[in-house]
Protein backbone atom coordinates (compact mmCIF):
# COMPACT_ATOMS: atom_id res chain seq x y z
CA MET A 1 5.57 20.68 2.37
CA ILE A 2 3.34 20.37 5.42
CA GLN A 3 1.82 17.21 3.95
CA PHE A 4 5.31 15.84 3.30
CA ILE A 5 6.29 16.36 6.95
CA GLU A 6 3.05 14.87 8.26
CA LYS A 7 3.85 11.65 6.37
CA LEU A 8 7.57 11.77 7.09
CA PHE A 9 7.67 8.71 9.36
CA ALA A 10 5.55 6.35 7.25
CA ASN A 11 7.37 3.04 6.71
CA GLU A 12 8.40 2.17 3.16
CA THR A 13 6.20 -0.43 1.47
CA LYS A 14 7.70 -0.47 -2.03
CA LEU A 15 11.14 -1.95 -1.48
CA GLU A 16 13.84 -2.72 -4.03
CA LYS A 17 16.05 -5.75 -3.56
CA LYS A 18 19.32 -3.78 -3.44
CA ILE A 19 17.91 -1.43 -0.80
CA ALA A 20 16.70 -4.34 1.35
CA ILE A 21 20.11 -6.04 1.07
CA LYS A 22 21.97 -2.86 2.04
CA GLU A 23 19.70 -2.20 5.00
CA ILE A 24 19.88 -5.75 6.38
CA ASN A 25 23.64 -5.93 5.86
CA GLY A 26 24.07 -2.69 7.80
CA MET A 27 21.91 -3.95 10.68
CA LYS A 28 23.81 -7.27 10.78
CA ASN A 29 27.00 -5.28 11.32
CA SER A 30 25.47 -3.08 14.05
CA GLN A 31 25.44 -0.05 11.77
CA PRO A 32 22.35 2.20 11.47
CA PRO A 33 21.23 2.21 7.82
CA GLU A 34 22.07 5.43 5.98
CA LYS A 35 18.57 5.40 4.52
CA PRO A 36 16.30 3.36 6.84
CA THR A 37 12.99 2.05 5.49
CA PHE A 38 11.16 1.31 8.74
CA ILE A 39 10.77 2.50 12.32
CA VAL A 40 8.68 0.45 14.76
CA ASN A 41 6.85 1.22 17.99
CA GLN A 42 8.29 4.71 18.67
CA ASN A 43 4.92 6.38 18.07
CA GLU A 44 5.28 9.05 20.75
CA ILE A 45 8.67 10.18 19.43
CA LYS A 46 7.42 10.20 15.84
CA SER A 47 4.42 12.32 16.83
CA ARG A 48 6.58 14.77 18.79
CA LEU A 49 9.09 15.19 15.95
CA THR A 50 6.30 15.59 13.40
CA GLN A 51 4.75 18.33 15.51
CA LYS A 52 8.05 20.18 15.94
CA LEU A 53 8.99 19.96 12.25
CA THR A 54 5.51 21.04 11.19
CA ASP A 55 5.41 23.96 13.64
CA CYS A 56 8.64 25.38 12.24
CA MET A 57 7.31 25.02 8.69
CA ARG A 58 4.23 26.99 9.71
CA GLY A 59 6.43 29.81 10.98
CA TYR A 60 5.97 29.25 14.70
CA GLY A 61 9.69 29.66 15.38
CA PHE A 62 12.85 27.80 16.33
CA GLU A 63 12.38 24.18 17.47
CA HIS A 64 14.76 22.10 19.58
CA VAL A 65 14.52 18.35 20.30
CA VAL A 66 16.91 16.15 22.31
CA LEU A 67 16.59 12.41 21.66
CA THR A 68 17.96 10.20 24.43
CA GLY A 69 18.33 6.45 24.72
CA LYS A 70 20.78 3.66 25.37
CA VAL A 71 23.38 2.31 22.94
CA GLY A 72 21.63 0.74 19.95
CA GLY A 73 18.29 2.32 20.87
CA GLY A 74 17.65 3.96 17.48
CA LYS A 75 18.80 7.58 17.93
CA THR A 76 21.08 7.67 14.89
CA HIS A 77 18.46 5.62 13.04
CA PHE A 78 16.03 8.51 13.56
CA LEU A 79 18.57 11.14 12.47
CA ASN A 80 19.43 9.15 9.33
CA TRP A 81 15.73 8.72 8.57
CA ILE A 82 15.11 12.48 8.77
CA GLU A 83 18.28 13.39 6.87
CA SER A 84 17.67 10.99 3.98
CA ARG A 85 14.04 11.98 3.44
CA MET A 86 14.59 15.72 3.80
CA ASN A 87 17.48 15.52 1.33
CA ASP A 88 15.36 13.52 -1.11
CA ASN A 89 12.66 16.20 -0.86
CA GLY A 90 15.15 18.86 -1.93
CA ASN A 91 13.39 21.84 -0.35
CA PHE A 92 15.33 21.87 2.93
CA TYR A 93 18.87 22.66 4.07
CA MET A 94 20.37 19.81 6.06
CA VAL A 95 23.58 19.66 8.09
CA LYS A 96 24.53 16.66 10.22
CA PHE A 97 27.66 16.14 12.26
CA GLN A 98 29.07 14.64 15.46
CA VAL A 99 30.64 16.44 18.40
CA GLN A 100 34.09 15.06 17.53
CA GLU A 101 34.02 16.78 14.12
CA THR A 102 33.96 20.21 15.76
CA SER A 103 37.68 19.86 16.48
CA THR A 104 38.26 21.42 13.03
CA VAL A 105 36.65 24.67 14.24
CA LYS A 106 38.05 24.65 17.80
CA HIS A 107 34.92 22.92 19.12
CA SER A 108 32.58 25.77 18.22
CA PHE A 109 29.07 24.45 17.60
CA VAL A 110 27.98 27.47 15.57
CA LYS A 111 31.12 27.54 13.43
CA MET A 112 30.54 23.89 12.60
CA ILE A 113 27.01 24.66 11.41
CA VAL A 114 28.27 27.46 9.16
CA SER A 115 31.15 25.32 7.87
CA LYS A 116 28.74 22.53 6.90
CA ILE A 117 26.37 24.96 5.17
CA PHE A 118 29.26 26.47 3.24
CA GLN A 119 30.63 23.09 2.15
CA GLN A 120 27.30 21.50 1.23
CA TYR A 121 25.46 24.53 -0.16
CA TYR A 122 28.27 26.74 -1.45
CA GLU A 123 26.30 28.36 -4.27
CA ASP A 124 23.29 29.13 -2.05
CA PHE A 125 25.56 30.43 0.71
CA THR A 126 27.45 32.74 -1.66
CA ARG A 127 24.19 33.91 -3.20
CA ALA A 128 22.73 34.72 0.23
CA MET A 129 25.79 36.77 1.29
CA ASN A 130 25.81 38.67 -1.99
CA LEU A 131 22.10 39.50 -1.57
CA LEU A 132 22.84 40.70 1.95
CA VAL A 133 25.44 43.23 0.86
CA THR A 134 23.08 44.75 -1.72
CA GLU A 135 21.33 46.31 1.29
CA PHE A 136 24.16 48.83 1.65
CA GLU A 137 25.58 49.12 -1.90
CA GLY A 138 24.42 52.74 -1.99
CA ASP A 139 26.68 53.60 0.95
CA LEU A 140 29.93 52.64 -0.82
CA ASP A 141 30.63 56.26 -1.77
CA SER A 142 31.58 56.96 1.83
CA GLU A 143 35.03 56.30 3.29
CA GLN A 144 35.80 52.66 4.07
CA ASP A 145 36.12 53.16 7.83
CA LEU A 146 32.80 55.00 7.97
CA ILE A 147 31.09 52.19 6.05
CA ILE A 148 32.56 49.56 8.36
CA GLY A 149 31.40 51.51 11.40
CA MET A 150 27.93 51.82 9.91
CA LEU A 151 27.82 48.03 9.30
CA CYS A 152 28.85 47.33 12.91
CA ASN A 153 25.97 49.42 14.19
CA ARG A 154 23.35 48.25 11.69
CA TYR A 155 23.95 44.50 12.04
CA LYS A 156 25.42 44.40 15.58
CA VAL A 157 28.54 42.59 14.38
CA SER A 158 32.24 42.79 15.17
CA ASN A 159 34.57 45.12 13.29
CA ASP A 160 36.16 42.09 11.61
CA LEU A 161 32.85 40.79 10.20
CA ALA A 162 31.90 44.29 9.09
CA ARG A 163 35.22 44.52 7.21
CA ILE A 164 34.48 41.21 5.50
CA LEU A 165 31.03 42.42 4.45
CA TYR A 166 32.61 45.51 2.98
CA GLU A 167 35.07 43.46 0.92
CA VAL A 168 32.23 41.34 -0.48
CA CYS A 169 30.08 44.35 -1.32
CA ALA A 170 32.94 46.34 -2.86
CA LYS A 171 33.82 43.29 -5.00
CA THR A 172 37.52 43.66 -4.29
CA LYS A 173 40.13 40.99 -5.01
CA LYS A 174 39.76 39.95 -1.39
CA GLY A 175 36.11 38.98 -1.92
CA SER A 176 36.70 35.24 -2.30
CA ALA A 177 38.85 35.15 0.85
CA ALA A 178 36.10 37.06 2.67
CA ILE A 179 33.45 34.52 1.62
CA ARG A 180 35.62 31.63 2.84
CA VAL A 181 36.05 33.26 6.25
CA MET A 182 32.31 33.83 6.44
CA GLY A 183 31.89 30.14 5.62
CA ALA A 184 34.24 29.09 8.45
CA SER A 185 36.36 27.25 5.89
CA HIS A 186 39.52 29.31 5.89
CA GLY A 187 43.09 29.30 7.16
CA ARG A 188 45.70 31.81 8.30
CA THR A 189 46.28 32.94 4.70
CA GLU A 190 42.79 34.40 4.34
CA LEU A 191 42.96 36.13 7.73
CA LEU A 192 46.32 37.73 6.93
CA ARG A 193 45.12 38.87 3.53
CA LEU A 194 42.06 40.53 5.06
CA GLY A 195 43.99 41.87 8.04
CA ILE A 196 41.54 40.46 10.58
CA LYS A 197 41.38 37.93 13.42
CA ASN A 198 39.17 34.86 13.58
CA LEU A 199 35.50 35.73 13.78
CA ILE A 200 33.80 35.02 17.10
CA ASP A 201 30.73 32.84 17.73
CA SER A 202 28.35 35.80 17.81
CA ASP A 203 29.53 36.71 14.28
CA TYR A 204 28.84 33.21 13.00
CA ILE A 205 25.40 33.24 14.62
CA LYS A 206 24.74 36.44 12.64
CA ILE A 207 25.97 34.71 9.46
CA ILE A 208 23.47 31.87 10.06
CA GLN A 209 20.77 34.52 10.46
CA PHE A 210 21.85 36.23 7.23
CA PHE A 211 21.75 32.92 5.40
CA LEU A 212 18.22 32.15 6.63
CA LYS A 213 17.01 35.59 5.57
CA TYR A 214 18.30 35.27 2.01
CA LYS A 215 18.23 31.49 1.46
CA LYS A 216 17.00 30.28 -1.91
CA LYS A 217 14.90 27.27 -0.82
CA ASP A 218 11.48 27.54 0.81
CA GLY A 219 12.24 24.97 3.50
CA TYR A 220 14.08 25.62 6.74
CA LEU A 221 17.57 24.70 7.98
CA LEU A 222 17.66 21.43 9.91
CA VAL A 223 20.70 20.81 12.14
CA LEU A 224 21.25 17.21 13.27
CA LEU A 225 23.85 16.73 16.02
CA ASP A 226 24.77 13.12 16.75
CA GLU A 227 26.53 11.68 19.83
CA PHE A 228 26.24 14.74 22.07
CA GLU A 229 27.58 12.61 24.95
CA HIS A 230 31.11 12.88 23.53
CA ALA A 231 31.12 16.53 24.62
CA TYR A 232 31.45 15.40 28.23
CA LEU A 233 33.03 11.98 27.71
CA SER A 234 35.81 12.75 25.20
CA LEU A 235 36.59 16.46 25.07
CA THR A 236 39.12 18.17 27.32
CA PRO A 237 37.68 20.55 29.93
CA ALA A 238 38.60 23.58 27.78
CA ALA A 239 37.13 22.07 24.59
CA ARG A 240 33.99 21.01 26.46
CA ARG A 241 33.56 24.52 27.82
CA ASN A 242 33.88 25.99 24.32
CA PHE A 243 31.36 23.55 22.89
CA PHE A 244 28.76 24.00 25.65
CA THR A 245 29.09 27.80 25.56
CA SER A 246 28.64 27.82 21.81
CA TYR A 247 25.65 25.43 21.94
CA LYS A 248 23.92 27.57 24.56
CA ALA A 249 24.62 30.80 22.68
CA PHE A 250 23.14 29.32 19.52
CA ILE A 251 19.90 28.31 21.30
CA ASP A 252 19.57 31.71 22.98
CA GLU A 253 19.92 33.59 19.70
CA ALA A 254 18.02 31.19 17.43
CA VAL A 255 14.76 31.89 19.26
CA LYS A 256 15.17 35.56 18.24
CA PHE A 257 15.78 34.90 14.55
CA ASP A 258 13.40 36.49 12.05
CA PRO A 259 12.66 34.41 10.14
CA ALA A 260 13.26 31.59 12.65
CA ASP A 261 13.53 28.91 9.96
CA ILE A 262 15.66 26.47 11.90
CA VAL A 263 15.26 23.17 13.77
CA LEU A 264 17.90 21.54 15.97
CA ILE A 265 17.69 17.81 16.75
CA THR A 266 20.35 16.39 19.06
CA SER A 267 20.91 12.75 19.99
CA VAL A 268 22.45 11.64 23.29
CA THR A 269 23.35 8.17 24.56
CA GLU A 270 22.35 7.92 28.22
CA GLN A 271 23.20 4.52 29.67
CA SER A 272 21.84 5.34 33.12
CA GLU A 273 19.06 7.66 34.21
CA GLY A 274 20.29 11.09 35.25
CA HIS A 275 23.72 10.74 33.62
CA LEU A 276 23.07 13.48 31.05
CA LYS A 277 21.81 15.87 33.70
CA GLU A 278 24.76 15.18 35.98
CA LYS A 279 27.38 15.82 33.30
CA VAL A 280 25.83 18.88 31.67
CA GLU A 281 24.62 20.51 34.87
CA SER A 282 28.05 20.23 36.50
CA ALA A 283 29.79 21.73 33.47
CA GLU A 284 27.26 24.36 32.34
CA LEU A 285 24.21 24.82 34.57
CA ALA A 286 22.63 27.36 32.23
CA LEU A 287 22.82 24.93 29.30
CA TRP A 288 21.01 22.21 31.24
CA SER A 289 18.14 24.61 31.84
CA ARG A 290 17.90 25.04 28.04
CA ILE A 291 17.77 21.35 27.14
CA GLN A 292 16.06 19.57 30.04
CA HIS A 293 12.53 20.31 28.79
CA GLN A 294 13.38 19.31 25.21
CA ILE A 295 14.35 15.73 26.12
CA ASN A 296 12.41 12.87 24.50
CA ALA A 297 13.45 9.36 25.54
CA LEU A 298 13.24 6.51 23.03
CA SER A 299 11.59 3.37 24.35
CA GLU A 300 13.44 0.07 24.37
CA PHE A 301 12.26 -3.18 22.80
CA SER A 302 10.09 -5.36 25.04
CA PRO A 303 10.16 -9.11 24.18
CA ALA A 304 7.25 -9.58 26.60
CA ASP A 305 4.93 -7.42 24.51
CA PRO A 306 3.44 -9.68 21.78
CA LEU A 307 2.25 -6.80 19.61
CA GLU A 308 5.59 -5.00 19.82
CA PHE A 309 7.38 -8.24 18.97
CA LYS A 310 5.06 -8.90 16.04
CA GLU A 311 5.57 -5.43 14.54
CA LEU A 312 9.36 -5.71 14.52
CA PHE A 313 9.32 -9.29 13.29
CA ASN A 314 6.93 -8.48 10.43
CA GLU A 315 9.03 -5.55 9.18
CA LEU A 316 12.24 -7.60 9.31
CA SER A 317 10.77 -10.70 7.69
CA VAL A 318 9.42 -8.70 4.72
CA ARG A 319 12.84 -7.19 4.06
CA TYR A 320 14.56 -10.54 4.58
CA ARG A 321 12.31 -12.16 1.98
CA ILE A 322 13.01 -9.41 -0.56
CA ALA A 323 16.75 -9.40 0.10
CA TYR A 324 17.35 -13.18 -0.03
CA ASP A 325 14.30 -14.46 -1.94
CA TYR A 326 13.61 -16.66 1.09
CA ASP A 327 10.28 -16.80 2.91
CA ILE A 328 10.65 -17.97 6.51
CA TYR A 329 6.83 -18.01 6.95
CA SER A 330 6.31 -14.74 8.79
CA LYS A 331 2.77 -15.62 9.89
CA ASN A 332 4.17 -17.65 12.76
CA GLU A 333 5.58 -14.89 14.97
CA SER A 334 4.89 -17.09 18.01
CA GLU A 335 7.45 -19.68 16.90
CA MET A 336 9.91 -16.87 16.16
CA ARG A 337 9.32 -15.49 19.66
CA LYS A 338 9.93 -18.95 21.14
CA ARG A 339 13.27 -19.24 19.30
CA PHE A 340 14.10 -15.63 20.13
CA LEU A 341 13.65 -16.21 23.87
CA GLU A 342 15.61 -19.47 23.71
CA ARG A 343 18.44 -17.55 22.08
CA LEU A 344 18.37 -15.11 25.00
CA GLY A 345 18.50 -17.95 27.50
CA GLY A 346 14.83 -18.28 28.45
CA ASP A 347 11.65 -16.30 28.98
CA THR A 348 12.31 -12.69 29.92
CA VAL A 349 10.44 -9.46 30.53
CA GLN A 350 13.70 -7.48 30.50
CA SER A 351 13.74 -4.69 27.90
CA MET A 352 16.62 -4.57 25.43
CA SER A 353 17.96 -2.33 22.69
CA TYR A 354 16.45 -2.54 19.23
CA ARG A 355 19.92 -3.24 17.85
CA ASP A 356 20.21 -6.39 19.98
CA ALA A 357 16.66 -7.47 19.15
CA ILE A 358 17.27 -7.05 15.41
CA LEU A 359 20.60 -8.87 15.52
CA ASN A 360 19.00 -11.84 17.30
CA MET A 361 16.06 -12.00 14.90
CA LEU A 362 18.28 -11.78 11.83
CA GLY A 363 20.53 -14.47 13.33
CA ILE A 364 17.54 -16.81 13.65
CA MET A 365 16.48 -16.05 10.08
CA ASP A 366 19.99 -16.80 8.82
CA ASP A 367 19.96 -20.14 10.67
CA LEU A 368 16.61 -21.05 9.11
CA ARG A 369 17.86 -20.16 5.62
CA MET A 370 21.12 -22.04 6.10
CA ASN A 371 19.23 -25.18 7.15
CA LYS A 372 16.51 -24.67 4.51
CA GLN A 373 13.84 -24.44 7.21
CA THR A 374 10.86 -22.16 7.86
CA LEU A 375 8.53 -21.32 10.75
CA GLU A 376 5.49 -22.87 9.09
CA ILE A 377 3.19 -24.82 11.38
CA SER A 378 3.23 -28.56 10.76
CA THR A 379 0.13 -30.74 10.34
CA ASP A 380 0.90 -32.32 13.72
CA THR A 381 0.75 -28.92 15.34
CA ARG A 382 -2.64 -28.13 13.80
CA VAL A 383 -3.97 -31.40 15.20
CA GLU A 384 -2.44 -30.52 18.57
CA TYR A 385 -4.13 -27.10 18.55
CA GLU A 386 -7.53 -28.54 17.68
CA LYS A 387 -7.20 -31.03 20.54
CA ILE A 388 -6.29 -28.23 22.97
CA ILE A 389 -9.40 -26.27 21.99
CA GLN A 390 -11.67 -29.34 22.21
CA ASP A 391 -10.33 -30.12 25.68
CA ALA A 392 -10.89 -26.50 26.70
CA LYS A 393 -14.45 -26.58 25.39
CA LYS A 394 -15.23 -29.70 27.43
CA GLN A 395 -13.66 -28.25 30.60
CA TRP A 396 -15.64 -25.07 30.14
CA GLU A 397 -18.93 -26.88 29.62
CA ASP A 398 -18.30 -29.14 32.63
CA ALA A 399 -17.26 -26.29 34.95
CA HIS A 400 -19.65 -24.97 37.60
CA PRO A 401 -21.12 -21.55 36.63
CA ASN A 402 -19.63 -19.95 39.75
CA ALA A 403 -16.13 -21.11 38.74
CA LYS A 404 -16.20 -19.73 35.20
CA PRO A 405 -15.46 -16.04 35.98
CA GLY A 406 -12.34 -17.10 37.89
CA MET A 407 -11.19 -19.30 35.01
CA ILE A 408 -11.31 -16.36 32.60
CA LYS A 409 -9.98 -13.92 35.20
CA SER A 410 -6.80 -15.94 35.82
CA SER A 411 -6.03 -16.17 32.09
CA LEU A 412 -6.84 -12.50 31.56
CA GLU A 413 -4.55 -11.60 34.44
CA LYS A 414 -1.63 -13.50 32.90
CA LEU A 415 -2.26 -11.87 29.52
CA LEU A 416 -2.31 -8.40 31.05
CA MET A 417 0.87 -9.06 33.01
CA GLU A 418 2.61 -9.90 29.74
CA LEU A 419 1.29 -6.61 28.37
CA ARG A 420 3.10 -4.89 31.27
CA TYR A 421 0.11 -4.22 33.49
CA LYS A 422 0.12 -4.94 37.21
CA LYS A 423 -2.79 -6.10 39.35
CA LEU A 424 -4.25 -3.64 41.86
CA ALA A 425 -6.15 -4.54 45.01
CA LEU A 426 -9.72 -3.36 45.57
CA GLU A 427 -11.88 -3.28 48.67
CA ASN A 428 -14.79 -5.76 48.46
CA GLU A 429 -13.29 -7.29 45.33
CA VAL A 430 -15.47 -9.97 43.72
CA GLY A 431 -14.44 -12.93 41.58
CA SER A 432 -15.70 -11.39 38.35
CA VAL A 433 -13.63 -8.22 38.70
CA LEU A 434 -9.99 -7.54 37.78
CA PHE A 435 -8.37 -4.14 38.37
CA VAL A 436 -5.00 -3.40 36.70
CA SER A 437 -2.75 -0.48 35.77
CA ASN A 438 0.34 0.43 33.78
CA LEU A 439 2.32 3.66 33.52
CA VAL A 440 -0.41 5.54 31.69
CA SER A 441 -3.81 4.08 32.62
CA LYS A 442 -5.97 2.00 34.94
CA LYS A 443 -8.51 -0.56 33.76
CA LEU A 444 -11.38 -2.28 35.53
CA PHE A 445 -12.47 -5.56 33.91
CA PHE A 446 -15.90 -6.90 34.78
CA ILE A 447 -16.28 -10.48 33.49
CA SER A 448 -19.69 -11.93 32.69
CA THR A 449 -20.01 -15.67 32.00
CA THR A 450 -23.78 -15.88 32.06
CA SER A 451 -25.41 -18.45 29.80
CA ASN A 452 -28.45 -16.52 28.54
CA SER A 453 -29.48 -13.02 27.45
CA LYS A 454 -31.67 -12.32 30.48
CA SER A 455 -28.82 -13.04 32.91
CA LEU A 456 -26.51 -10.90 30.77
CA ILE A 457 -28.74 -7.87 31.38
CA THR A 458 -28.45 -8.54 35.12
CA SER A 459 -24.64 -8.70 34.77
CA ILE A 460 -24.59 -5.32 33.04
CA ASP A 461 -26.54 -3.82 35.96
CA LYS A 462 -24.06 -5.36 38.41
CA CYS A 463 -21.15 -3.92 36.44
CA ILE A 464 -22.67 -0.43 36.49
CA LYS A 465 -23.38 -0.58 40.23
CA TYR A 466 -19.91 -1.95 41.04
CA LYS A 467 -18.26 0.78 38.98
CA ASP A 468 -20.33 3.48 40.70
CA SER A 469 -19.57 2.04 44.13
CA LEU A 470 -15.84 2.65 43.86
CA SER A 471 -14.45 5.55 45.84
CA THR A 472 -13.90 8.85 44.05
CA LYS A 473 -10.15 8.47 44.24
CA GLU A 474 -10.44 5.50 41.91
CA ASP A 475 -12.49 7.28 39.25
CA ASP A 476 -9.66 7.69 36.73
CA PHE A 477 -10.02 4.24 35.19
CA GLU A 478 -11.50 2.65 32.09
CA THR A 479 -14.20 0.04 32.64
CA ILE A 480 -14.26 -2.92 30.24
CA PHE A 481 -17.27 -5.24 30.35
CA ILE A 482 -16.42 -8.69 28.93
CA TYR A 483 -19.25 -10.98 27.88
CA GLN A 484 -20.03 -13.84 25.47
CA LYS A 485 -21.19 -12.60 22.09
CA GLN A 486 -23.59 -15.52 21.58
CA TRP A 487 -25.95 -14.00 24.20
CA GLU A 488 -25.91 -10.56 22.64
CA THR A 489 -29.22 -9.08 21.43
CA LYS A 490 -30.24 -5.74 19.96
CA ALA A 491 -31.67 -4.77 23.35
CA ILE A 492 -28.34 -5.51 25.05
CA VAL A 493 -26.38 -3.50 22.46
CA GLN A 494 -28.78 -0.61 22.93
CA MET A 495 -28.51 -0.86 26.72
CA LEU A 496 -24.70 -0.78 26.59
CA SER A 497 -24.77 2.23 24.26
CA LEU A 498 -26.39 4.24 27.06
CA TYR A 499 -23.15 3.93 29.06
CA PRO A 500 -20.33 5.40 26.91
CA ASP A 501 -17.99 5.25 29.92
CA ILE A 502 -18.14 1.43 29.77
CA HIS A 503 -16.27 -0.30 26.97
CA ALA A 504 -18.15 -3.43 25.89
CA LEU A 505 -16.00 -6.34 24.67
CA ALA A 506 -17.98 -9.23 23.24
CA ILE A 507 -15.92 -12.39 22.69
CA ASN A 508 -16.97 -15.30 20.51
CA GLU A 509 -16.75 -18.96 21.53
CA LEU A 510 -13.38 -19.61 19.90
CA GLU A 511 -11.88 -16.51 21.53
CA LEU A 512 -13.35 -17.66 24.85
CA TYR A 513 -11.69 -21.09 24.63
CA ASN A 514 -8.36 -19.59 23.50
CA LEU A 515 -8.47 -17.16 26.41
CA PHE A 516 -9.31 -20.02 28.78
CA VAL A 517 -6.29 -22.10 27.70
CA TYR A 518 -3.98 -19.07 27.63
CA LYS A 519 -3.00 -19.40 31.29
CA ASN A 520 -1.50 -22.86 30.85
CA MET A 521 -0.25 -22.30 27.31
CA LYS A 522 3.22 -23.70 26.75
CA GLU A 523 5.94 -22.29 24.51
CA ASN A 524 5.18 -24.48 21.53
CA ILE A 525 4.08 -23.84 17.98
CA SER A 526 0.40 -23.94 19.03
CA ARG A 527 1.02 -20.62 20.74
CA GLU A 528 1.11 -18.89 17.36
CA LYS A 529 -2.42 -20.04 16.56
CA ILE A 530 -3.72 -19.17 20.03
CA MET A 531 -2.20 -15.67 19.90
CA SER A 532 -3.60 -15.19 16.40
CA GLU A 533 -7.11 -16.02 17.60
CA LEU A 534 -6.71 -13.62 20.53
CA GLU A 535 -5.28 -10.74 18.47
CA ARG A 536 -8.57 -8.81 18.35
CA VAL A 537 -9.09 -9.22 22.09
CA ILE A 538 -5.52 -8.12 22.86
CA ASN A 539 -5.85 -5.03 20.67
CA ASP A 540 -9.15 -4.15 22.37
CA ILE A 541 -7.90 -4.41 25.93
CA LYS A 542 -4.46 -2.92 25.40
């Protein structure tokens, strides 16, 4: 099962037509698919969830994850993905519900878990409780009150739960009513028949623990709570207090379970930073301390990131082709991006929800299908591209050698800005150097435009000296040495191998000309070809 979990978030590649239609139709109507077939770009979240799910399977204990993001950001998409695949596997227990549903159990989080287990896995639940009571079958010769007292002490449960356990073990006519109360799926009739009050949260936490100890399946119990924000947006103060208290009590006890075969994944919509903290902390400070370090924020979709755009577009276009038997020519993601930005009202670096991005892309695809059009590049565009490259080649050859580093630097700077880097200033900066950073790293680009192998060796020496000359406070950066591949020799490759802290990026002539024209590239169909030729370079520098 470890191998199954490690591959849990792999996108589906074998797609049936009816599944593709159902998934696309759901997305068109702003509904997360019940059984999604792809997730894009959220690599950090996928890795974190995989680690947590694997750790629990290996017996490392209770795991808790809180997924946050804005409306349409993919939280429910993730929960549905996990639920559908774990259910298909068949070796796990899975319960999923929303905060609003807890109204049926007076907003008790733990009672809702037990109720769902009872309803979905009735036979396994009943089997587990019957195995539990075999532990004390030999004590039934004693008086009933003595047995109940013994059960209270042995299992640290209330008198009411001990009485229920006795009824199950003694196989009295009240046994079925007792099982229903243990399953949090009872009414006043069962309570009156048993002569007890409603069980408390600590009792139901014990029942979860009993179930885990005697469960039939090898896999653990996975609890998926959706729309946690409704606890503080929709519930009354009293109901909210009950829910938060129950949620906290569950976390505090779950870490003590033996076996601790349980994972809790909660999703929360947070439209503004700090909103979740403000609402939970003000209502239940102790609960916030339990969840704040379990928060994992989903990233939004960035139209400005060409690789991110391409990944989403490719996954959607494949499913669109299967669903409607219509190929929009998915190779031209640049033209799709042009139409996408036009639909948004112009070029933008503003992030957006994946739901909005998907709706806009599918809308464009529907328009193309309705008008019997595709994104395929026309012959005129190919001619236009070839002319652009020829003009670039001539400008490059005619340019003064001292001007060439700046020509590449300006294009590289624009490319990096679109990849969400920002330029940093350096003391004694030279024209062949570009220093940039993003949220996670810094990069120093040293650009060599020498026209022979001997001069290239000199450029490598200059790069090494410049890198070493930077102050120690700037030593947490990656150095990338860019040079023309046509001047590369075995000696140069060997020389560069002696400096593993310098990443060598050799670009061929066509890549050079495409990079040169990138700065003044217009939003036309030629962009697709230019971006395609630069794909290797972009992947290398990103």
